N, C-alpha and C. Protein backbone atom coordinates (compact mmCIF):
# COMPACT_ATOMS: atom_id res chain seq x y z
N MET A 1 -12.14 34.42 73.42
CA MET A 1 -12.94 34.47 74.68
C MET A 1 -12.06 34.11 75.63
N SER A 2 -11.05 32.75 75.84
CA SER A 2 -10.11 33.30 77.39
C SER A 2 -9.45 34.42 77.61
N THR A 3 -9.23 35.27 76.55
CA THR A 3 -8.75 37.08 76.84
C THR A 3 -9.87 37.62 77.81
N LEU A 4 -10.70 37.64 77.96
CA LEU A 4 -11.97 38.20 78.81
C LEU A 4 -12.04 38.17 80.13
N PRO A 5 -12.28 38.61 81.10
CA PRO A 5 -12.97 38.64 82.22
C PRO A 5 -13.84 37.57 82.57
N GLU A 6 -13.41 36.17 83.39
CA GLU A 6 -14.51 35.14 84.09
C GLU A 6 -15.69 35.81 83.87
N THR A 7 -15.87 36.45 84.61
CA THR A 7 -17.48 37.09 84.64
C THR A 7 -17.52 37.14 83.01
N VAL A 8 -17.24 37.94 82.17
CA VAL A 8 -17.18 37.94 81.48
C VAL A 8 -17.50 36.53 80.00
N GLN A 9 -17.00 35.63 80.47
CA GLN A 9 -16.90 34.48 79.66
C GLN A 9 -17.90 33.40 80.63
N ARG A 10 -18.55 34.15 81.68
CA ARG A 10 -19.73 33.20 82.07
C ARG A 10 -21.04 33.46 81.97
N VAL A 11 -20.76 34.74 81.60
CA VAL A 11 -21.79 35.35 80.80
C VAL A 11 -22.02 35.06 79.71
N ALA A 12 -21.33 34.66 78.53
CA ALA A 12 -21.28 34.49 77.31
C ALA A 12 -21.69 32.72 77.43
N ARG A 13 -20.94 32.21 78.50
CA ARG A 13 -21.05 30.67 78.85
C ARG A 13 -23.28 30.41 78.96
N VAL A 14 -23.81 31.69 79.41
CA VAL A 14 -24.98 31.13 79.88
C VAL A 14 -26.23 31.57 79.05
N ALA A 15 -25.60 33.18 78.27
CA ALA A 15 -26.05 33.55 76.92
C ALA A 15 -25.88 32.55 76.01
N GLU A 16 -24.99 31.69 75.82
CA GLU A 16 -25.57 30.40 75.03
C GLU A 16 -26.33 29.03 75.58
N ALA A 17 -25.57 29.18 76.36
CA ALA A 17 -27.72 28.07 76.85
C ALA A 17 -28.35 28.17 77.08
N LEU A 18 -28.76 29.13 77.34
CA LEU A 18 -30.49 29.74 77.02
C LEU A 18 -31.11 30.47 75.46
N GLY A 19 -29.80 30.07 74.68
CA GLY A 19 -30.09 30.24 73.26
C GLY A 19 -30.14 31.67 72.76
N LEU A 20 -29.38 32.78 73.72
CA LEU A 20 -29.17 33.73 72.97
C LEU A 20 -27.88 34.04 72.36
N ALA A 21 -28.01 34.48 70.65
CA ALA A 21 -26.34 34.49 70.52
C ALA A 21 -25.85 36.06 70.35
N VAL A 22 -25.24 36.51 71.20
CA VAL A 22 -24.75 37.12 71.56
C VAL A 22 -22.75 37.60 71.36
N ASP A 23 -22.95 38.92 70.66
CA ASP A 23 -21.77 39.35 70.41
C ASP A 23 -21.12 40.28 72.00
N ILE A 24 -20.34 39.98 73.07
CA ILE A 24 -19.85 40.37 73.71
C ILE A 24 -18.60 41.30 73.33
N ARG A 25 -18.98 43.26 73.83
CA ARG A 25 -18.09 44.07 73.26
C ARG A 25 -17.18 44.75 74.17
N GLU A 26 -16.37 44.29 74.91
CA GLU A 26 -15.24 44.78 75.89
C GLU A 26 -15.45 46.50 75.02
N MET A 27 -15.60 47.13 75.64
CA MET A 27 -15.52 48.90 75.59
C MET A 27 -13.93 49.30 76.25
N ALA A 28 -13.70 50.41 75.31
CA ALA A 28 -12.28 50.98 75.96
C ALA A 28 -12.74 51.99 76.74
N GLU A 29 -13.66 52.89 77.27
CA GLU A 29 -14.43 53.66 77.85
C GLU A 29 -15.76 52.98 79.09
N SER A 30 -15.61 53.11 80.02
CA SER A 30 -16.64 52.77 80.82
C SER A 30 -18.15 52.79 80.84
N THR A 31 -18.92 51.14 81.19
CA THR A 31 -20.24 51.52 80.24
C THR A 31 -20.85 51.34 82.02
N ARG A 32 -20.38 51.60 82.89
CA ARG A 32 -21.54 51.56 84.28
C ARG A 32 -22.20 52.15 84.34
N THR A 33 -21.94 53.42 83.93
CA THR A 33 -23.95 54.45 83.95
C THR A 33 -24.09 54.18 82.31
N ALA A 34 -26.13 54.30 83.04
CA ALA A 34 -26.64 54.17 81.71
C ALA A 34 -25.70 54.90 80.75
N GLU A 35 -26.44 56.26 80.32
CA GLU A 35 -25.43 57.33 80.12
C GLU A 35 -23.52 57.01 79.75
N GLU A 36 -23.15 56.20 80.46
CA GLU A 36 -21.70 55.90 79.94
C GLU A 36 -22.04 54.81 78.66
N ALA A 37 -23.23 53.68 79.07
CA ALA A 37 -23.20 53.08 78.12
C ALA A 37 -23.67 53.46 76.76
N ALA A 38 -24.58 54.12 76.82
CA ALA A 38 -25.42 54.75 75.63
C ALA A 38 -24.33 55.18 74.46
N ALA A 39 -23.42 56.72 75.37
CA ALA A 39 -22.33 56.94 74.48
C ALA A 39 -21.32 56.03 73.79
N ALA A 40 -21.07 54.83 74.70
CA ALA A 40 -20.04 54.06 74.38
C ALA A 40 -20.58 52.98 72.95
N CYS A 41 -21.97 52.57 73.92
CA CYS A 41 -22.50 52.05 72.17
C CYS A 41 -23.56 52.51 71.27
N GLY A 42 -23.03 54.08 71.06
CA GLY A 42 -23.77 54.67 69.69
C GLY A 42 -24.69 54.65 69.97
N CYS A 43 -25.95 54.25 70.69
CA CYS A 43 -27.34 53.80 71.24
C CYS A 43 -27.90 55.29 71.79
N ASP A 44 -29.83 54.93 72.02
CA ASP A 44 -30.44 55.97 72.62
C ASP A 44 -30.34 55.13 74.37
N LEU A 45 -30.23 56.50 75.14
CA LEU A 45 -29.87 56.81 76.69
C LEU A 45 -32.00 55.57 77.09
N GLY A 46 -32.12 55.01 76.27
CA GLY A 46 -34.07 54.21 76.75
C GLY A 46 -33.14 52.80 76.17
N GLN A 47 -32.50 52.16 75.10
CA GLN A 47 -32.45 51.31 74.55
C GLN A 47 -31.02 50.49 75.72
N ILE A 48 -30.19 50.97 76.71
CA ILE A 48 -30.04 50.81 77.70
C ILE A 48 -29.98 50.21 78.75
N VAL A 49 -30.05 48.57 79.31
CA VAL A 49 -30.81 48.22 80.49
C VAL A 49 -29.82 48.34 81.28
N LYS A 50 -30.46 49.00 82.64
CA LYS A 50 -30.23 49.12 84.15
C LYS A 50 -30.93 48.04 84.27
N SER A 51 -29.38 46.88 85.09
CA SER A 51 -29.46 45.74 85.98
C SER A 51 -29.60 46.26 87.79
N LEU A 52 -30.59 46.42 88.36
CA LEU A 52 -31.04 47.05 89.72
C LEU A 52 -31.46 46.06 90.32
N VAL A 53 -30.42 45.67 91.31
CA VAL A 53 -30.71 45.00 92.45
C VAL A 53 -31.10 45.09 93.56
N PHE A 54 -33.10 44.78 93.65
CA PHE A 54 -33.34 45.19 95.32
C PHE A 54 -33.75 44.02 96.28
N CYS A 55 -34.14 44.39 97.25
CA CYS A 55 -34.29 43.22 97.93
C CYS A 55 -35.41 43.46 99.09
N GLY A 56 -36.14 41.97 99.36
CA GLY A 56 -37.38 42.32 99.36
C GLY A 56 -37.01 42.41 101.20
N LYS A 57 -37.80 43.67 101.71
CA LYS A 57 -37.88 43.56 103.16
C LYS A 57 -38.42 42.98 103.88
N ALA A 58 -38.99 42.22 104.09
CA ALA A 58 -40.07 41.17 105.06
C ALA A 58 -38.80 39.85 104.78
N SER A 59 -38.63 39.43 103.42
CA SER A 59 -38.07 38.53 103.13
C SER A 59 -36.80 38.28 103.10
N GLY A 60 -36.24 39.47 102.67
CA GLY A 60 -34.82 39.37 102.05
C GLY A 60 -34.51 38.52 101.29
N ARG A 61 -35.85 38.36 99.44
CA ARG A 61 -35.96 37.86 98.67
C ARG A 61 -35.24 38.70 97.77
N PRO A 62 -33.99 38.29 96.75
CA PRO A 62 -33.00 39.60 95.95
C PRO A 62 -34.61 39.76 94.49
N TYR A 63 -34.36 40.64 94.06
CA TYR A 63 -35.16 41.16 92.83
C TYR A 63 -34.34 41.42 91.74
N LEU A 64 -34.68 41.25 90.44
CA LEU A 64 -34.04 42.22 89.81
C LEU A 64 -34.87 42.54 88.74
N LEU A 65 -34.56 43.93 88.46
CA LEU A 65 -35.79 44.50 87.10
C LEU A 65 -33.91 44.93 86.39
N LEU A 66 -35.10 44.93 85.52
CA LEU A 66 -34.58 45.38 84.43
C LEU A 66 -34.85 46.62 84.26
N VAL A 67 -34.50 47.80 83.78
CA VAL A 67 -34.54 49.08 83.76
C VAL A 67 -34.28 49.93 82.25
N SER A 68 -34.57 50.25 81.56
CA SER A 68 -34.73 50.94 80.88
C SER A 68 -33.86 52.70 81.11
N GLY A 69 -32.63 52.60 80.56
CA GLY A 69 -31.87 53.65 80.48
C GLY A 69 -32.48 55.15 81.00
N ARG A 70 -33.81 55.12 80.53
CA ARG A 70 -34.43 56.86 80.56
C ARG A 70 -34.58 56.49 81.47
N ASN A 71 -35.62 55.08 82.16
CA ASN A 71 -36.54 55.67 83.69
C ASN A 71 -35.68 55.50 84.96
N ARG A 72 -36.71 56.40 86.03
CA ARG A 72 -36.34 55.88 87.49
C ARG A 72 -37.94 54.97 87.80
N VAL A 73 -37.08 54.08 88.94
CA VAL A 73 -38.05 52.57 89.85
C VAL A 73 -39.38 53.91 90.58
N ASN A 74 -40.14 53.53 90.45
CA ASN A 74 -40.98 53.96 90.92
C ASN A 74 -40.94 52.76 91.78
N GLU A 75 -40.41 52.87 93.65
CA GLU A 75 -40.38 51.51 94.54
C GLU A 75 -41.03 50.83 94.92
N ALA A 76 -42.51 52.19 95.29
CA ALA A 76 -43.34 51.78 96.04
C ALA A 76 -44.75 50.38 94.35
N ALA A 77 -44.38 51.45 93.85
CA ALA A 77 -45.54 50.48 92.61
C ALA A 77 -44.53 49.16 92.43
N VAL A 78 -43.90 49.35 92.07
CA VAL A 78 -42.99 47.76 91.86
C VAL A 78 -43.19 47.20 93.37
N ALA A 79 -42.72 47.17 94.79
CA ALA A 79 -43.08 47.12 96.08
C ALA A 79 -44.85 46.46 95.50
N ARG A 80 -44.88 47.68 95.22
CA ARG A 80 -47.28 47.54 95.41
C ARG A 80 -47.29 45.98 94.42
N HIS A 81 -46.37 46.09 92.94
CA HIS A 81 -46.97 45.18 92.09
C HIS A 81 -46.69 43.60 93.05
N LEU A 82 -45.04 43.40 93.05
CA LEU A 82 -43.95 42.26 93.56
C LEU A 82 -44.80 41.26 95.12
N GLY A 83 -45.55 42.62 95.58
CA GLY A 83 -46.41 42.06 96.79
C GLY A 83 -45.20 42.51 98.23
N GLU A 84 -44.38 43.28 98.36
CA GLU A 84 -43.35 43.45 99.45
C GLU A 84 -42.31 44.71 99.38
N LYS A 85 -41.72 44.47 100.45
CA LYS A 85 -41.71 46.52 99.95
C LYS A 85 -40.37 46.26 99.87
N LEU A 86 -39.38 47.26 99.23
CA LEU A 86 -38.53 47.17 98.76
C LEU A 86 -37.41 47.66 99.45
N THR A 87 -35.91 47.75 99.79
CA THR A 87 -34.63 48.63 99.63
C THR A 87 -33.63 48.50 98.48
N ARG A 88 -33.19 48.72 99.00
CA ARG A 88 -32.20 49.30 98.51
C ARG A 88 -30.74 48.88 98.81
N PRO A 89 -30.30 47.40 98.61
CA PRO A 89 -29.02 46.75 99.63
C PRO A 89 -28.25 47.07 99.03
N ASP A 90 -26.84 46.77 99.91
CA ASP A 90 -25.68 47.86 99.68
C ASP A 90 -25.30 46.39 98.58
N ALA A 91 -23.81 47.37 98.45
CA ALA A 91 -23.11 46.38 97.28
C ALA A 91 -22.50 44.78 97.51
N ALA A 92 -22.28 44.65 99.17
CA ALA A 92 -21.76 43.76 99.18
C ALA A 92 -22.91 42.62 99.18
N TYR A 93 -24.20 42.87 99.38
CA TYR A 93 -25.27 41.75 99.19
C TYR A 93 -25.52 41.55 97.69
N VAL A 94 -25.87 42.27 97.20
CA VAL A 94 -25.88 42.94 95.56
C VAL A 94 -24.65 42.04 94.78
N ARG A 95 -23.74 42.02 94.93
CA ARG A 95 -22.25 41.38 94.94
C ARG A 95 -22.68 38.77 95.00
N GLU A 96 -23.09 39.54 96.11
CA GLU A 96 -22.98 38.08 96.64
C GLU A 96 -24.67 37.13 96.08
N VAL A 97 -25.89 37.92 95.46
CA VAL A 97 -26.83 37.69 95.42
C VAL A 97 -26.64 37.67 93.88
N SER A 98 -25.97 37.89 92.60
CA SER A 98 -25.88 38.41 91.62
C SER A 98 -24.08 37.74 90.62
N GLY A 99 -23.16 37.89 91.54
CA GLY A 99 -22.17 37.45 91.55
C GLY A 99 -21.26 37.89 90.70
N PHE A 100 -22.07 39.77 90.39
CA PHE A 100 -21.25 40.46 90.03
C PHE A 100 -21.28 42.16 90.52
N ALA A 101 -20.02 42.51 90.20
CA ALA A 101 -20.02 43.74 91.11
C ALA A 101 -21.73 44.90 89.84
N ILE A 102 -21.63 46.26 90.67
CA ILE A 102 -22.18 47.03 90.33
C ILE A 102 -22.13 47.60 89.94
N GLY A 103 -22.14 47.93 88.13
CA GLY A 103 -22.25 48.27 87.01
C GLY A 103 -21.58 47.95 85.94
N GLY A 104 -21.57 46.15 86.27
CA GLY A 104 -21.71 44.75 85.43
C GLY A 104 -22.33 44.00 85.65
N ILE A 105 -23.47 44.23 86.35
CA ILE A 105 -24.88 43.28 85.83
C ILE A 105 -25.86 42.80 84.77
N PRO A 106 -25.35 41.64 84.93
CA PRO A 106 -25.80 41.00 82.87
C PRO A 106 -26.94 40.46 83.67
N PRO A 107 -28.40 41.06 83.07
CA PRO A 107 -29.58 40.15 83.36
C PRO A 107 -29.93 38.65 83.61
N PHE A 108 -29.08 38.17 83.03
CA PHE A 108 -28.87 36.70 83.74
C PHE A 108 -27.49 36.19 84.40
N GLY A 109 -26.96 34.81 84.89
CA GLY A 109 -26.32 34.17 84.88
C GLY A 109 -25.55 34.01 86.61
N HIS A 110 -26.63 35.05 87.48
CA HIS A 110 -26.44 35.57 88.48
C HIS A 110 -25.67 33.67 89.37
N ALA A 111 -25.30 34.62 91.03
CA ALA A 111 -25.10 32.98 91.58
C ALA A 111 -25.55 32.83 92.34
N SER A 112 -27.09 33.79 92.22
CA SER A 112 -28.23 32.74 93.11
C SER A 112 -30.08 33.00 91.89
N ASP A 113 -31.05 32.60 92.09
CA ASP A 113 -31.35 32.59 91.37
C ASP A 113 -32.06 33.36 92.11
N ILE A 114 -32.38 34.41 91.31
CA ILE A 114 -33.28 36.41 91.19
C ILE A 114 -34.55 36.14 90.62
N ALA A 115 -35.94 36.60 91.12
CA ALA A 115 -36.89 36.93 90.78
C ALA A 115 -36.27 37.95 89.77
N THR A 116 -37.41 37.61 88.73
CA THR A 116 -36.29 39.15 87.44
C THR A 116 -37.59 39.76 86.31
N SER A 117 -37.79 40.74 86.57
CA SER A 117 -39.04 41.58 86.11
C SER A 117 -38.37 42.73 85.05
N ILE A 118 -39.10 42.96 83.56
CA ILE A 118 -38.41 43.29 83.06
C ILE A 118 -39.48 44.81 82.62
N ASP A 119 -38.46 46.43 82.31
CA ASP A 119 -39.55 47.71 81.80
C ASP A 119 -40.00 47.20 80.52
N GLN A 120 -41.44 47.97 80.81
CA GLN A 120 -42.09 47.00 79.47
C GLN A 120 -41.39 48.40 78.86
N ASP A 121 -40.91 49.12 78.52
CA ASP A 121 -39.84 50.80 77.52
C ASP A 121 -39.34 49.86 76.96
N LEU A 122 -38.84 48.29 77.87
CA LEU A 122 -37.89 47.99 76.83
C LEU A 122 -37.57 47.94 76.18
N LEU A 123 -39.19 47.14 75.85
CA LEU A 123 -39.75 45.91 74.47
C LEU A 123 -39.77 47.14 73.03
N ALA A 124 -40.22 48.14 73.27
CA ALA A 124 -40.53 48.62 72.71
C ALA A 124 -39.69 48.62 71.66
N TYR A 125 -38.47 48.56 71.96
CA TYR A 125 -37.12 49.08 70.74
C TYR A 125 -36.57 47.49 69.76
N ASP A 126 -36.45 47.40 68.63
CA ASP A 126 -36.12 45.86 68.21
C ASP A 126 -34.46 45.83 69.33
N VAL A 127 -33.38 46.35 69.55
CA VAL A 127 -32.49 46.27 70.71
C VAL A 127 -32.11 47.07 71.34
N VAL A 128 -31.50 46.70 72.52
CA VAL A 128 -31.09 47.25 73.80
C VAL A 128 -29.43 47.05 74.27
N TRP A 129 -28.65 46.90 74.81
CA TRP A 129 -27.15 46.68 75.05
C TRP A 129 -28.06 46.79 76.80
N ALA A 130 -26.48 45.38 77.30
CA ALA A 130 -26.44 45.09 78.54
C ALA A 130 -25.63 44.53 78.69
N ALA A 131 -25.42 44.70 80.39
CA ALA A 131 -24.21 44.87 81.06
C ALA A 131 -23.41 43.25 80.93
N ALA A 132 -22.03 42.63 80.60
CA ALA A 132 -21.60 41.48 80.16
C ALA A 132 -20.77 41.09 81.71
N GLY A 133 -20.85 41.20 82.89
CA GLY A 133 -20.02 40.87 83.82
C GLY A 133 -18.65 41.60 84.22
N THR A 134 -18.74 42.51 82.99
CA THR A 134 -18.13 43.94 83.85
C THR A 134 -18.18 45.08 83.64
N PRO A 135 -17.71 46.68 84.14
CA PRO A 135 -18.00 47.67 84.14
C PRO A 135 -17.51 48.28 82.42
N ARG A 136 -17.73 47.03 81.58
CA ARG A 136 -16.95 47.85 80.58
C ARG A 136 -17.26 46.58 79.12
N ALA A 137 -17.53 46.01 80.00
CA ALA A 137 -18.50 44.88 78.33
C ALA A 137 -19.73 44.85 78.45
N VAL A 138 -20.23 44.78 77.04
CA VAL A 138 -21.93 44.57 76.84
C VAL A 138 -22.42 43.63 75.95
N PHE A 139 -23.14 43.88 75.78
CA PHE A 139 -23.79 42.97 74.91
C PHE A 139 -25.05 43.81 73.93
N ALA A 140 -25.12 43.05 72.25
CA ALA A 140 -26.94 43.88 71.93
C ALA A 140 -27.30 42.52 71.97
N VAL A 141 -28.69 43.13 72.43
CA VAL A 141 -29.99 41.87 72.20
C VAL A 141 -31.19 42.15 72.04
N ALA A 142 -32.59 41.56 71.78
CA ALA A 142 -33.53 41.61 71.20
C ALA A 142 -34.55 41.76 72.47
N PRO A 143 -34.86 42.51 73.35
CA PRO A 143 -35.87 42.61 73.99
C PRO A 143 -36.36 41.36 74.83
N GLN A 144 -37.34 41.64 73.36
CA GLN A 144 -38.20 40.22 73.82
C GLN A 144 -38.06 39.01 73.96
N ALA A 145 -36.46 38.68 72.93
CA ALA A 145 -36.11 37.17 73.07
C ALA A 145 -35.36 37.12 74.60
N LEU A 146 -34.49 38.51 75.65
CA LEU A 146 -34.01 38.36 76.42
C LEU A 146 -35.39 37.83 76.90
N ALA A 147 -36.09 38.96 77.18
CA ALA A 147 -37.11 38.56 78.47
C ALA A 147 -37.86 37.20 78.13
N ALA A 148 -38.06 36.29 76.98
CA ALA A 148 -38.15 34.70 77.03
C ALA A 148 -36.93 33.88 77.48
N ALA A 149 -36.11 34.76 76.94
CA ALA A 149 -35.15 33.22 77.68
C ALA A 149 -34.83 32.83 78.61
N ILE A 150 -35.63 34.12 79.77
CA ILE A 150 -35.17 34.68 80.92
C ILE A 150 -36.30 34.60 81.74
N GLY A 151 -37.29 33.95 81.15
CA GLY A 151 -38.95 33.88 82.08
C GLY A 151 -39.30 35.86 82.77
N ALA A 152 -38.25 36.65 82.41
CA ALA A 152 -39.25 37.76 83.03
C ALA A 152 -40.21 38.29 82.96
N GLU A 153 -40.46 38.71 83.20
CA GLU A 153 -41.86 39.29 84.09
C GLU A 153 -42.09 41.07 83.81
N THR A 154 -42.93 41.01 82.42
CA THR A 154 -43.06 42.43 82.16
C THR A 154 -43.99 43.02 83.14
N ILE A 155 -43.18 44.46 82.98
CA ILE A 155 -44.10 45.67 84.74
C ILE A 155 -43.90 46.49 83.99
N ASP A 156 -44.30 47.94 84.76
CA ASP A 156 -44.05 49.74 84.38
C ASP A 156 -43.23 49.37 85.68
N VAL A 157 -42.32 49.76 85.40
CA VAL A 157 -41.49 50.32 86.31
C VAL A 157 -42.01 51.84 87.23
N GLY A 158 -42.33 52.24 86.32
CA GLY A 158 -42.24 54.03 86.94
C GLY A 158 -44.03 53.49 87.31
N GLY A 159 -44.83 52.83 87.11
CA GLY A 159 -46.27 52.61 87.99
C GLY A 159 -47.03 54.03 87.63
N GLY A 160 -47.00 53.82 86.53
CA GLY A 160 -48.18 54.74 85.50
C GLY A 160 -49.22 54.13 85.71
């Protein structure tokens, strides 16, 4: 594992501490977007976990939404659920609170405590693929095990 970037090693250590047995893979091609990740992993677009950081408009508190690659976030509906309007932060804020660059944000192992919600649609799959700290590193995990390990709240990100 020592040949992997430090951010990927951190993800591996945190996964182990959470009791998640994951096999992190560094892909030859980019997995920065959901479409690129699905092609690289050879899976359905819906199996890709998009880790999206939002910021509470009033509190400045970070929120992490783990969203199926097929879905778009209905920000107004999610904001009503969370009890606070959301803003889309800039890349510097995302890196500061998560410790990772956009395109490589994993569902755990962040630089600060981030309230996390998981898209209910991800739970329909036996296996989903998430970023592992860089835009080329990914891992597969059972979504129910992931949600339980990180204490993620299940929500409807589309607001339906």
